[in-house]
Amino acid sequence: MNHDFLEQILGDYDALRRPGTDPELEAVRAAILFEDVFGITLSDAEIDAAALAGGSALEALSARLRGPA
């Protein structure tokens, strides 16, 4: 996956987040983003507010799920 594309999508997603939104709801939104845009399916255990807290966390999770280059 193109790193610039990943950065752009995650940056756009982070900019659209609403302050004060329920963290669990944000985790579900992030999981939907991964499924729809990146084709990465998360398990129920991976849909965690702490793991999906922001752009850098999403990028780290994406890199982990993609595995070694």
N, C-alpha and C. Protein backbone atom coordinates (compact mmCIF):
# COMPACT_ATOMS: atom_id res chain seq x y z
N MET A 1 0.84 -1.17 0.00
CA MET A 1 0.00 0.00 0.00
C MET A 1 0.89 1.24 0.00
N ASN A 2 0.52 2.22 -0.78
CA ASN A 2 1.27 3.46 -0.89
C ASN A 2 1.21 4.22 0.44
N HIS A 3 2.39 4.53 0.98
CA HIS A 3 2.48 5.21 2.27
C HIS A 3 1.83 6.59 2.22
N ASP A 4 2.00 7.33 1.12
CA ASP A 4 1.40 8.66 1.00
C ASP A 4 -0.12 8.59 1.03
N PHE A 5 -0.67 7.58 0.35
CA PHE A 5 -2.12 7.37 0.35
C PHE A 5 -2.61 7.08 1.77
N LEU A 6 -1.90 6.21 2.45
CA LEU A 6 -2.24 5.88 3.83
C LEU A 6 -2.22 7.13 4.71
N GLU A 7 -1.16 7.92 4.59
CA GLU A 7 -1.05 9.15 5.37
C GLU A 7 -2.21 10.10 5.08
N GLN A 8 -2.57 10.23 3.82
CA GLN A 8 -3.65 11.14 3.43
C GLN A 8 -4.98 10.68 4.02
N ILE A 9 -5.30 9.41 3.86
CA ILE A 9 -6.57 8.89 4.36
C ILE A 9 -6.65 9.02 5.88
N LEU A 10 -5.58 8.63 6.57
CA LEU A 10 -5.60 8.70 8.04
C LEU A 10 -5.63 10.14 8.53
N GLY A 11 -4.95 11.04 7.82
CA GLY A 11 -4.99 12.45 8.18
C GLY A 11 -6.38 13.03 8.00
N ASP A 12 -7.02 12.69 6.88
CA ASP A 12 -8.39 13.15 6.64
C ASP A 12 -9.34 12.60 7.70
N TYR A 13 -9.18 11.32 8.01
CA TYR A 13 -10.03 10.71 9.04
C TYR A 13 -9.84 11.41 10.38
N ASP A 14 -8.60 11.65 10.75
CA ASP A 14 -8.30 12.30 12.03
C ASP A 14 -8.90 13.71 12.08
N ALA A 15 -8.85 14.42 10.96
CA ALA A 15 -9.38 15.78 10.91
C ALA A 15 -10.91 15.81 11.04
N LEU A 16 -11.56 14.73 10.65
CA LEU A 16 -13.02 14.67 10.71
C LEU A 16 -13.56 14.18 12.05
N ARG A 17 -12.68 13.74 12.92
CA ARG A 17 -13.13 13.24 14.22
C ARG A 17 -13.77 14.37 15.01
N ARG A 18 -14.77 14.03 15.78
CA ARG A 18 -15.49 15.02 16.57
C ARG A 18 -15.06 14.93 18.02
N PRO A 19 -14.58 16.04 18.59
CA PRO A 19 -14.19 16.03 20.01
C PRO A 19 -15.39 15.66 20.88
N GLY A 20 -15.13 14.89 21.89
CA GLY A 20 -16.17 14.50 22.83
C GLY A 20 -17.04 13.33 22.39
N THR A 21 -16.75 12.77 21.22
CA THR A 21 -17.51 11.61 20.75
C THR A 21 -17.11 10.39 21.58
N ASP A 22 -18.06 9.53 21.80
CA ASP A 22 -17.82 8.31 22.57
C ASP A 22 -16.65 7.53 21.96
N PRO A 23 -15.64 7.18 22.76
CA PRO A 23 -14.47 6.47 22.23
C PRO A 23 -14.80 5.13 21.58
N GLU A 24 -15.79 4.44 22.10
CA GLU A 24 -16.18 3.15 21.50
C GLU A 24 -16.79 3.36 20.12
N LEU A 25 -17.59 4.42 19.98
CA LEU A 25 -18.17 4.73 18.67
C LEU A 25 -17.06 5.09 17.68
N GLU A 26 -16.08 5.85 18.12
CA GLU A 26 -14.95 6.19 17.26
C GLU A 26 -14.18 4.93 16.84
N ALA A 27 -14.06 3.97 17.74
CA ALA A 27 -13.38 2.71 17.41
C ALA A 27 -14.13 1.96 16.32
N VAL A 28 -15.45 1.96 16.40
CA VAL A 28 -16.26 1.30 15.37
C VAL A 28 -16.10 2.03 14.04
N ARG A 29 -16.11 3.35 14.07
CA ARG A 29 -15.91 4.13 12.84
C ARG A 29 -14.55 3.83 12.22
N ALA A 30 -13.53 3.74 13.04
CA ALA A 30 -12.19 3.44 12.54
C ALA A 30 -12.15 2.04 11.92
N ALA A 31 -12.82 1.09 12.56
CA ALA A 31 -12.87 -0.27 12.01
C ALA A 31 -13.55 -0.28 10.65
N ILE A 32 -14.61 0.50 10.51
CA ILE A 32 -15.30 0.59 9.23
C ILE A 32 -14.38 1.21 8.18
N LEU A 33 -13.62 2.21 8.57
CA LEU A 33 -12.65 2.82 7.66
C LEU A 33 -11.66 1.77 7.16
N PHE A 34 -11.10 0.98 8.07
CA PHE A 34 -10.15 -0.06 7.69
C PHE A 34 -10.77 -1.05 6.72
N GLU A 35 -12.01 -1.45 7.00
CA GLU A 35 -12.65 -2.43 6.13
C GLU A 35 -12.97 -1.85 4.76
N ASP A 36 -13.53 -0.64 4.73
CA ASP A 36 -13.97 -0.06 3.46
C ASP A 36 -12.82 0.46 2.59
N VAL A 37 -11.86 1.14 3.20
CA VAL A 37 -10.82 1.79 2.42
C VAL A 37 -9.62 0.89 2.19
N PHE A 38 -9.21 0.17 3.23
CA PHE A 38 -7.97 -0.60 3.15
C PHE A 38 -8.20 -2.10 2.94
N GLY A 39 -9.45 -2.54 3.04
CA GLY A 39 -9.73 -3.96 2.87
C GLY A 39 -9.18 -4.81 4.00
N ILE A 40 -8.99 -4.22 5.17
CA ILE A 40 -8.47 -4.93 6.33
C ILE A 40 -9.63 -5.16 7.30
N THR A 41 -9.89 -6.41 7.62
CA THR A 41 -10.95 -6.74 8.56
C THR A 41 -10.36 -6.91 9.94
N LEU A 42 -10.94 -6.22 10.91
CA LEU A 42 -10.49 -6.31 12.29
C LEU A 42 -11.37 -7.30 13.05
N SER A 43 -10.75 -8.01 13.97
CA SER A 43 -11.53 -8.89 14.84
C SER A 43 -12.22 -8.03 15.90
N ASP A 44 -13.17 -8.62 16.59
CA ASP A 44 -13.85 -7.89 17.67
C ASP A 44 -12.85 -7.40 18.71
N ALA A 45 -11.84 -8.20 19.00
CA ALA A 45 -10.84 -7.82 20.00
C ALA A 45 -10.01 -6.62 19.55
N GLU A 46 -9.82 -6.47 18.24
CA GLU A 46 -9.02 -5.36 17.72
C GLU A 46 -9.80 -4.05 17.63
N ILE A 47 -11.13 -4.12 17.71
CA ILE A 47 -11.94 -2.91 17.68
C ILE A 47 -11.98 -2.38 19.10
N ASP A 48 -10.90 -1.71 19.46
CA ASP A 48 -10.66 -1.23 20.82
C ASP A 48 -10.37 0.27 20.76
N ALA A 49 -11.04 1.03 21.61
CA ALA A 49 -10.87 2.48 21.61
C ALA A 49 -9.41 2.89 21.81
N ALA A 50 -8.68 2.18 22.65
CA ALA A 50 -7.27 2.54 22.90
C ALA A 50 -6.41 2.27 21.67
N ALA A 51 -6.67 1.19 20.98
CA ALA A 51 -5.86 0.84 19.81
C ALA A 51 -6.18 1.72 18.60
N LEU A 52 -7.38 2.27 18.56
CA LEU A 52 -7.83 3.06 17.41
C LEU A 52 -8.04 4.52 17.78
N ALA A 53 -7.24 5.02 18.72
CA ALA A 53 -7.46 6.34 19.31
C ALA A 53 -7.18 7.52 18.37
N GLY A 54 -6.32 7.39 17.42
CA GLY A 54 -6.01 8.53 16.55
C GLY A 54 -5.23 8.11 15.35
N GLY A 55 -4.83 9.10 14.56
CA GLY A 55 -4.12 8.83 13.32
C GLY A 55 -2.88 8.00 13.49
N SER A 56 -2.05 8.32 14.47
CA SER A 56 -0.81 7.56 14.65
C SER A 56 -1.10 6.13 15.11
N ALA A 57 -2.11 5.98 15.95
CA ALA A 57 -2.49 4.64 16.39
C ALA A 57 -3.05 3.84 15.22
N LEU A 58 -3.84 4.48 14.37
CA LEU A 58 -4.39 3.79 13.21
C LEU A 58 -3.29 3.38 12.23
N GLU A 59 -2.32 4.26 12.04
CA GLU A 59 -1.21 3.93 11.14
C GLU A 59 -0.40 2.76 11.69
N ALA A 60 -0.16 2.74 12.99
CA ALA A 60 0.59 1.64 13.61
C ALA A 60 -0.17 0.33 13.47
N LEU A 61 -1.48 0.38 13.66
CA LEU A 61 -2.28 -0.83 13.53
C LEU A 61 -2.28 -1.30 12.08
N SER A 62 -2.39 -0.38 11.15
CA SER A 62 -2.37 -0.74 9.75
C SER A 62 -1.06 -1.41 9.36
N ALA A 63 0.06 -0.85 9.84
CA ALA A 63 1.37 -1.44 9.55
C ALA A 63 1.48 -2.84 10.14
N ARG A 64 0.97 -3.01 11.35
CA ARG A 64 1.01 -4.34 11.99
C ARG A 64 0.18 -5.35 11.22
N LEU A 65 -1.00 -4.94 10.76
CA LEU A 65 -1.88 -5.86 10.04
C LEU A 65 -1.35 -6.20 8.66
N ARG A 66 -0.62 -5.26 8.03
CA ARG A 66 -0.05 -5.52 6.71
C ARG A 66 1.11 -6.50 6.80
N GLY A 67 1.77 -6.53 7.94
CA GLY A 67 2.90 -7.43 8.13
C GLY A 67 4.16 -6.90 7.47
N PRO A 68 5.21 -7.71 7.45
CA PRO A 68 6.48 -7.28 6.88
C PRO A 68 6.35 -6.99 5.38
N ALA A 69 7.13 -6.00 4.97
CA ALA A 69 7.08 -5.60 3.54
C ALA A 69 7.81 -6.60 2.67
